């Protein structure tokens, strides 16, 4: 699993639109099983040209 996380970390660090990312779930707890998945949350910087609408 370490190699996969290293590749993902390098990829996400190179992207200028990513504010931060974090690992959660069983992989974050060190309890990843062979058939398990890797849970990653990624927060992107908002685009500067987005216009927000106000709702009443």
Protein backbone atom coordinates (compact mmCIF):
# COMPACT_ATOMS: atom_id res chain seq x y z
CA UNK A 1 0.00 0.00 0.00
CA UNK A 2 2.85 2.41 0.71
CA UNK A 3 3.84 2.66 -2.96
CA UNK A 4 0.29 3.54 -4.02
CA UNK A 5 0.03 6.25 -1.37
CA UNK A 6 3.41 7.66 -2.41
CA UNK A 7 2.24 7.93 -6.03
CA UNK A 8 -1.04 9.59 -4.98
CA UNK A 9 0.78 11.98 -2.65
CA UNK A 10 3.21 13.05 -5.38
CA UNK A 11 0.36 13.48 -7.87
CA UNK A 12 -1.78 15.57 -5.53
CA UNK A 13 1.16 17.72 -4.38
CA UNK A 14 1.88 18.67 -8.00
CA UNK A 15 -1.68 19.88 -8.66
CA UNK A 16 -2.18 23.58 -8.05
CA UNK A 17 -5.95 23.19 -7.66
CA UNK A 18 -5.70 20.89 -4.62
CA UNK A 19 -5.86 22.69 -1.27
CA UNK A 20 -5.41 19.55 0.84
CA UNK A 21 -6.13 15.84 0.95
CA UNK A 22 -6.35 13.32 3.71
CA UNK A 23 -6.50 9.58 4.17
CA UNK A 24 -9.26 8.07 6.29
CA UNK A 25 -10.84 4.71 6.99
CA UNK A 26 -9.09 1.41 7.54
CA UNK A 27 -5.95 2.41 5.61
CA UNK A 28 -5.48 5.45 7.86
CA UNK A 29 -5.82 3.23 10.92
CA UNK A 30 -3.26 0.77 9.53
CA UNK A 31 -5.87 -1.98 9.20
CA UNK A 32 -6.16 -2.22 5.42
CA UNK A 33 -7.01 -5.73 4.23
CA UNK A 34 -5.92 -7.25 0.94
CA UNK A 35 -9.40 -6.79 -0.57
CA UNK A 36 -9.95 -3.38 1.06
CA UNK A 37 -10.07 0.03 -0.53
CA UNK A 38 -8.24 3.27 0.19
CA UNK A 39 -10.38 6.23 1.25
CA UNK A 40 -9.01 9.66 0.34
CA UNK A 41 -10.78 13.01 0.65
CA UNK A 42 -9.56 15.83 -1.59
CA UNK A 43 -10.45 19.51 -1.18
CA UNK A 44 -9.98 21.66 -4.28
CA UNK A 45 -9.46 25.41 -4.24
CA UNK A 46 -12.58 27.13 -5.55
CA UNK A 47 -12.34 28.54 -9.04
CA UNK A 48 -11.88 32.29 -9.01
CA UNK A 49 -14.42 33.00 -11.73
CA UNK A 50 -17.37 31.26 -10.07
CA UNK A 51 -20.33 33.56 -9.48
CA UNK A 52 -22.42 32.68 -6.45
CA UNK A 53 -26.15 33.28 -6.44
CA UNK A 54 -28.00 34.49 -3.38
CA UNK A 55 -31.18 32.68 -2.40
CA UNK A 56 -33.98 34.30 -0.40
